[in-house]
Amino acid sequence: MQRSLETEKIEKHLDVIGILFMVMAGFSLLTVVFIPFHFMLFQSFTDHFPRQANGPDPRRMIQDMQPFIYIVYAMIGLFSLFFGAILLAAGINIRRRRHFTFCVVGSALICTSFPLGTALGIWSLLTLLNKQTRPLFEQRTDLGDADFLD
């Protein structure tokens, strides 16, 4: 079966988009590694806050906020893991040409990561919503269980 030049171009775009999704997922997951480092830096700075004679003790204020700070760090870590996992799954599915709707949702979600994610998300949405792209995803799903051989 002869493929058109436009179809080959779209397939190359989808491959590049899938790889870039995986790179962005790696950056998101890398954020989780820096959370403990940031926390240690934060702790070291709070030990050296100057105290005014009549003012409140900054160390005491930080100690009072510590539970809230732990919750914020945990939420940032969980969000980064979730965001990275979604982007990784979307990138893999874009490259495999599977789960079209999930890929569109992942493309919309990456738009929230300004500025690189926004550019990548718009490009991926424009490519995915092209009328010639949808049949590429449907061809892959028609194979059923046999596409594990790729």
C-alpha atoms as a PDB file:
ATOM      1  CA  MET A   1       0.000   0.000   0.000  1.00  0.00           C
ATOM      2  CA  GLN A   2       1.455   3.325  -1.092  1.00  0.00           C
ATOM      3  CA  ARG A   3       1.366   6.078   1.468  1.00  0.00           C
ATOM      4  CA  SER A   4       1.060   9.710   0.528  1.00  0.00           C
ATOM      5  CA  LEU A   5       3.780  12.216   1.324  1.00  0.00           C
ATOM      6  CA  GLU A   6       1.382  13.992   3.676  1.00  0.00           C
ATOM      7  CA  THR A   7       0.812  10.777   5.662  1.00  0.00           C
ATOM      8  CA  GLU A   8       4.552  10.150   5.932  1.00  0.00           C
ATOM      9  CA  LYS A   9       5.057  13.733   7.076  1.00  0.00           C
ATOM     10  CA  ILE A  10       2.367  13.342   9.756  1.00  0.00           C
ATOM     11  CA  GLU A  11       3.924  10.066  10.934  1.00  0.00           C
ATOM     12  CA  LYS A  12       7.315  11.756  11.296  1.00  0.00           C
ATOM     13  CA  HIS A  13       5.698  14.607  13.210  1.00  0.00           C
ATOM     14  CA  LEU A  14       3.957  12.143  15.526  1.00  0.00           C
ATOM     15  CA  ASP A  15       7.257  10.366  16.201  1.00  0.00           C
ATOM     16  CA  VAL A  16       8.997  13.632  17.076  1.00  0.00           C
ATOM     17  CA  ILE A  17       6.054  14.779  19.187  1.00  0.00           C
ATOM     18  CA  GLY A  18       6.053  11.476  21.069  1.00  0.00           C
ATOM     19  CA  ILE A  19       9.770  11.793  21.829  1.00  0.00           C
ATOM     20  CA  LEU A  20       9.363  15.395  22.995  1.00  0.00           C
ATOM     21  CA  PHE A  21       6.490  14.315  25.257  1.00  0.00           C
ATOM     22  CA  MET A  22       8.790  11.761  26.837  1.00  0.00           C
ATOM     23  CA  VAL A  23      11.506  14.392  27.321  1.00  0.00           C
ATOM     24  CA  MET A  24       9.016  16.739  28.999  1.00  0.00           C
ATOM     25  CA  ALA A  25       7.874  13.839  31.179  1.00  0.00           C
ATOM     26  CA  GLY A  26      11.488  13.301  32.185  1.00  0.00           C
ATOM     27  CA  PHE A  27      11.780  16.959  33.218  1.00  0.00           C
ATOM     28  CA  SER A  28       8.608  16.674  35.241  1.00  0.00           C
ATOM     29  CA  LEU A  29       9.821  13.532  36.965  1.00  0.00           C
ATOM     30  CA  LEU A  30      13.196  15.182  37.572  1.00  0.00           C
ATOM     31  CA  THR A  31      11.383  17.781  39.662  1.00  0.00           C
ATOM     32  CA  VAL A  32      10.708  15.075  42.239  1.00  0.00           C
ATOM     33  CA  VAL A  33      14.465  14.605  42.694  1.00  0.00           C
ATOM     34  CA  PHE A  34      14.974  18.293  43.465  1.00  0.00           C
ATOM     35  CA  ILE A  35      12.247  18.536  46.113  1.00  0.00           C
ATOM     36  CA  PRO A  36      14.408  17.149  48.969  1.00  0.00           C
ATOM     37  CA  PHE A  37      17.310  19.356  47.843  1.00  0.00           C
ATOM     38  CA  HIS A  38      15.048  22.422  47.873  1.00  0.00           C
ATOM     39  CA  PHE A  39      13.720  21.485  51.296  1.00  0.00           C
ATOM     40  CA  MET A  40      17.241  21.171  52.724  1.00  0.00           C
ATOM     41  CA  LEU A  41      18.162  24.561  51.245  1.00  0.00           C
ATOM     42  CA  PHE A  42      15.022  26.067  52.726  1.00  0.00           C
ATOM     43  CA  GLN A  43      15.857  24.623  56.129  1.00  0.00           C
ATOM     44  CA  SER A  44      19.415  25.952  56.031  1.00  0.00           C
ATOM     45  CA  PHE A  45      18.223  29.489  55.218  1.00  0.00           C
ATOM     46  CA  THR A  46      15.631  29.539  57.974  1.00  0.00           C
ATOM     47  CA  ASP A  47      18.322  28.861  60.570  1.00  0.00           C
ATOM     48  CA  HIS A  48      19.993  32.168  59.735  1.00  0.00           C
ATOM     49  CA  PHE A  49      17.041  34.567  59.772  1.00  0.00           C
ATOM     50  CA  PRO A  50      17.862  37.663  61.811  1.00  0.00           C
ATOM     51  CA  ARG A  51      15.667  38.317  64.804  1.00  0.00           C
ATOM     52  CA  GLN A  52      14.590  41.796  65.709  1.00  0.00           C
ATOM     53  CA  ALA A  53      14.407  42.752  69.369  1.00  0.00           C
ATOM     54  CA  ASN A  54      10.683  43.468  69.441  1.00  0.00           C
ATOM     55  CA  GLY A  55       9.638  41.323  66.495  1.00  0.00           C
ATOM     56  CA  PRO A  56       8.522  37.720  66.246  1.00  0.00           C
ATOM     57  CA  ASP A  57      11.034  34.879  66.104  1.00  0.00           C
ATOM     58  CA  PRO A  58      11.315  33.757  62.447  1.00  0.00           C
ATOM     59  CA  ARG A  59      12.516  30.278  63.434  1.00  0.00           C
ATOM     60  CA  ARG A  60       9.458  29.795  65.619  1.00  0.00           C
ATOM     61  CA  MET A  61       7.185  30.936  62.770  1.00  0.00           C
ATOM     62  CA  ILE A  62       8.801  28.437  60.397  1.00  0.00           C
ATOM     63  CA  GLN A  63       8.421  25.667  62.972  1.00  0.00           C
ATOM     64  CA  ASP A  64       4.726  26.498  63.325  1.00  0.00           C
ATOM     65  CA  MET A  65       4.297  26.322  59.540  1.00  0.00           C
ATOM     66  CA  GLN A  66       6.273  23.089  59.175  1.00  0.00           C
ATOM     67  CA  PRO A  67       3.257  20.739  58.777  1.00  0.00           C
ATOM     68  CA  PHE A  68       1.834  22.959  56.054  1.00  0.00           C
ATOM     69  CA  ILE A  69       5.233  23.109  54.331  1.00  0.00           C
ATOM     70  CA  TYR A  70       5.454  19.297  54.354  1.00  0.00           C
ATOM     71  CA  ILE A  71       1.993  19.088  52.783  1.00  0.00           C
ATOM     72  CA  VAL A  72       2.945  21.582  50.063  1.00  0.00           C
ATOM     73  CA  TYR A  73       6.148  19.676  49.232  1.00  0.00           C
ATOM     74  CA  ALA A  74       4.206  16.390  49.132  1.00  0.00           C
ATOM     75  CA  MET A  75       1.552  17.892  46.846  1.00  0.00           C
ATOM     76  CA  ILE A  76       4.200  19.279  44.487  1.00  0.00           C
ATOM     77  CA  GLY A  77       5.898  15.877  44.397  1.00  0.00           C
ATOM     78  CA  LEU A  78       2.668  13.983  43.755  1.00  0.00           C
ATOM     79  CA  PHE A  79       1.592  16.461  41.090  1.00  0.00           C
ATOM     80  CA  SER A  80       4.970  16.157  39.350  1.00  0.00           C
ATOM     81  CA  LEU A  81       4.752  12.355  39.419  1.00  0.00           C
ATOM     82  CA  PHE A  82       1.189  12.385  38.090  1.00  0.00           C
ATOM     83  CA  PHE A  83       1.951  14.970  35.391  1.00  0.00           C
ATOM     84  CA  GLY A  84       5.109  13.121  34.337  1.00  0.00           C
ATOM     85  CA  ALA A  85       3.296   9.784  34.176  1.00  0.00           C
ATOM     86  CA  ILE A  86       0.500  11.241  32.035  1.00  0.00           C
ATOM     87  CA  LEU A  87       3.000  12.848  29.652  1.00  0.00           C
ATOM     88  CA  LEU A  88       5.071   9.671  29.423  1.00  0.00           C
ATOM     89  CA  ALA A  89       1.998   7.560  28.666  1.00  0.00           C
ATOM     90  CA  ALA A  90       0.772  10.097  26.104  1.00  0.00           C
ATOM     91  CA  GLY A  91       4.188  10.191  24.411  1.00  0.00           C
ATOM     92  CA  ILE A  92       4.360   6.411  24.199  1.00  0.00           C
ATOM     93  CA  ASN A  93       0.815   6.215  22.835  1.00  0.00           C
ATOM     94  CA  ILE A  94       1.465   8.937  20.271  1.00  0.00           C
ATOM     95  CA  ARG A  95       4.475   7.014  18.978  1.00  0.00           C
ATOM     96  CA  ARG A  96       2.489   3.755  18.918  1.00  0.00           C
ATOM     97  CA  ARG A  97      -0.561   5.473  17.358  1.00  0.00           C
ATOM     98  CA  ARG A  98      -2.926   4.169  20.029  1.00  0.00           C
ATOM     99  CA  HIS A  99      -5.574   5.688  22.323  1.00  0.00           C
ATOM    100  CA  PHE A 100      -6.304   8.775  20.260  1.00  0.00           C
ATOM    101  CA  THR A 101      -8.530  10.459  22.855  1.00  0.00           C
ATOM    102  CA  PHE A 102      -5.944   9.996  25.613  1.00  0.00           C
ATOM    103  CA  CYS A 103      -3.288  11.540  23.342  1.00  0.00           C
ATOM    104  CA  VAL A 104      -5.500  14.579  22.708  1.00  0.00           C
ATOM    105  CA  VAL A 105      -6.116  14.969  26.459  1.00  0.00           C
ATOM    106  CA  GLY A 106      -2.355  14.672  27.117  1.00  0.00           C
ATOM    107  CA  SER A 107      -1.690  17.290  24.448  1.00  0.00           C
ATOM    108  CA  ALA A 108      -4.157  19.654  26.081  1.00  0.00           C
ATOM    109  CA  LEU A 109      -2.644  18.976  29.508  1.00  0.00           C
ATOM    110  CA  ILE A 110       0.917  19.734  28.393  1.00  0.00           C
ATOM    111  CA  CYS A 111      -0.241  23.179  27.265  1.00  0.00           C
ATOM    112  CA  THR A 112      -0.283  24.178  30.956  1.00  0.00           C
ATOM    113  CA  SER A 113       3.509  23.848  31.097  1.00  0.00           C
ATOM    114  CA  PHE A 114       4.482  27.288  29.807  1.00  0.00           C
ATOM    115  CA  PRO A 115       6.369  28.048  27.489  1.00  0.00           C
ATOM    116  CA  LEU A 116       7.832  24.840  26.000  1.00  0.00           C
ATOM    117  CA  GLY A 117       4.873  22.672  26.902  1.00  0.00           C
ATOM    118  CA  THR A 118       2.470  25.201  25.419  1.00  0.00           C
ATOM    119  CA  ALA A 119       4.296  25.191  22.096  1.00  0.00           C
ATOM    120  CA  LEU A 120       4.528  21.394  22.084  1.00  0.00           C
ATOM    121  CA  GLY A 121       0.876  21.051  23.104  1.00  0.00           C
ATOM    122  CA  ILE A 122      -0.370  23.339  20.355  1.00  0.00           C
ATOM    123  CA  TRP A 123       1.783  21.580  17.761  1.00  0.00           C
ATOM    124  CA  SER A 124       0.595  18.162  18.927  1.00  0.00           C
ATOM    125  CA  LEU A 125      -3.052  19.250  18.977  1.00  0.00           C
ATOM    126  CA  LEU A 126      -2.774  20.672  15.468  1.00  0.00           C
ATOM    127  CA  THR A 127      -1.153  17.440  14.286  1.00  0.00           C
ATOM    128  CA  LEU A 128      -3.561  15.122  16.116  1.00  0.00           C
ATOM    129  CA  LEU A 129      -6.664  17.000  15.020  1.00  0.00           C
ATOM    130  CA  ASN A 130      -5.595  16.924  11.378  1.00  0.00           C
ATOM    131  CA  LYS A 131      -8.160  14.957   9.375  1.00  0.00           C
ATOM    132  CA  GLN A 132      -5.429  12.621   8.033  1.00  0.00           C
ATOM    133  CA  THR A 133      -4.092  11.718  11.492  1.00  0.00           C
ATOM    134  CA  ARG A 134      -7.114   9.929  12.943  1.00  0.00           C
ATOM    135  CA  PRO A 135      -6.989   7.065  10.378  1.00  0.00           C
ATOM    136  CA  LEU A 136      -3.387   6.343  11.445  1.00  0.00           C
ATOM    137  CA  PHE A 137      -4.613   5.655  14.973  1.00  0.00           C
ATOM    138  CA  GLU A 138      -7.551   3.579  13.729  1.00  0.00           C
ATOM    139  CA  GLN A 139      -5.297   1.399  11.558  1.00  0.00           C
ATOM    140  CA  ARG A 140      -3.231   0.542  14.615  1.00  0.00           C
ATOM    141  CA  THR A 141      -6.239  -0.434  16.697  1.00  0.00           C
ATOM    142  CA  ASP A 142      -7.664  -2.613  13.908  1.00  0.00           C
ATOM    143  CA  LEU A 143      -4.698  -4.927  14.438  1.00  0.00           C
ATOM    144  CA  GLY A 144      -5.913  -5.728  17.918  1.00  0.00           C
ATOM    145  CA  ASP A 145      -3.479  -7.835  19.932  1.00  0.00           C
ATOM    146  CA  ALA A 146      -1.080  -8.300  17.030  1.00  0.00           C
ATOM    147  CA  ASP A 147       0.501  -4.840  17.349  1.00  0.00           C
ATOM    148  CA  PHE A 148       2.794  -5.996  20.154  1.00  0.00           C
ATOM    149  CA  LEU A 149       5.090  -7.283  17.405  1.00  0.00           C
ATOM    150  CA  ASP A 150       6.171  -3.764  16.413  1.00  0.00           C
END
